[in-house]
Amino acid sequence: MTDHNIRMAAVFFLAFLLYGKISFDWVRFCLSVLPLLTKNNGLL
């Protein structure tokens, strides 16, 4: 289950990279949300 979540996160990240420019605000948002997601998934 966790591997699937990691794969999905990587796919979405690559999709956004391919989509175009990523603003620093978006990157900061992802970095601030990622720990919450990993904590909820029990990865940390």
Protein backbone atom coordinates (compact mmCIF):
# COMPACT_ATOMS: atom_id res chain seq x y z
CA MET A 1 0.00 0.00 0.00
CA THR A 2 2.78 2.42 0.90
CA ASP A 3 4.73 1.49 -2.23
CA HIS A 4 1.65 2.29 -4.31
CA ASN A 5 1.31 5.69 -2.59
CA ILE A 6 4.98 6.48 -3.23
CA ARG A 7 4.59 5.47 -6.87
CA MET A 8 1.50 7.63 -7.28
CA ALA A 9 3.26 10.61 -5.68
CA ALA A 10 6.23 10.17 -8.02
CA VAL A 11 3.91 9.95 -11.04
CA PHE A 12 2.08 13.13 -10.06
CA PHE A 13 5.39 14.93 -9.43
CA LEU A 14 6.76 13.88 -12.84
CA ALA A 15 3.47 14.89 -14.47
CA PHE A 16 3.76 18.38 -12.98
CA LEU A 17 7.41 18.56 -14.05
CA LEU A 18 6.46 17.65 -17.61
CA TYR A 19 3.45 19.98 -17.54
CA GLY A 20 5.62 23.07 -17.32
CA LYS A 21 7.29 25.42 -14.91
CA ILE A 22 6.80 24.80 -11.22
CA SER A 23 6.60 27.88 -9.05
CA PHE A 24 8.60 27.94 -5.84
CA ASP A 25 5.33 28.43 -3.96
CA TRP A 26 4.09 25.09 -5.35
CA VAL A 27 7.35 23.37 -4.37
CA ARG A 28 7.16 24.81 -0.86
CA PHE A 29 3.53 23.69 -0.64
CA CYS A 30 4.48 20.12 -1.65
CA LEU A 31 7.37 20.05 0.82
CA SER A 32 5.09 21.26 3.61
CA VAL A 33 2.34 18.75 2.80
CA LEU A 34 4.58 15.74 2.12
CA PRO A 35 5.53 15.15 5.80
CA LEU A 36 1.84 15.16 6.71
CA LEU A 37 1.06 12.58 4.03
CA THR A 38 3.96 10.33 5.03
CA LYS A 39 2.98 10.64 8.69
CA ASN A 40 -0.60 9.65 7.85
CA ASN A 41 0.62 6.71 5.77
CA GLY A 42 2.88 5.57 8.60
CA LEU A 43 6.10 5.89 6.60
CA LEU A 44 7.84 7.94 9.28
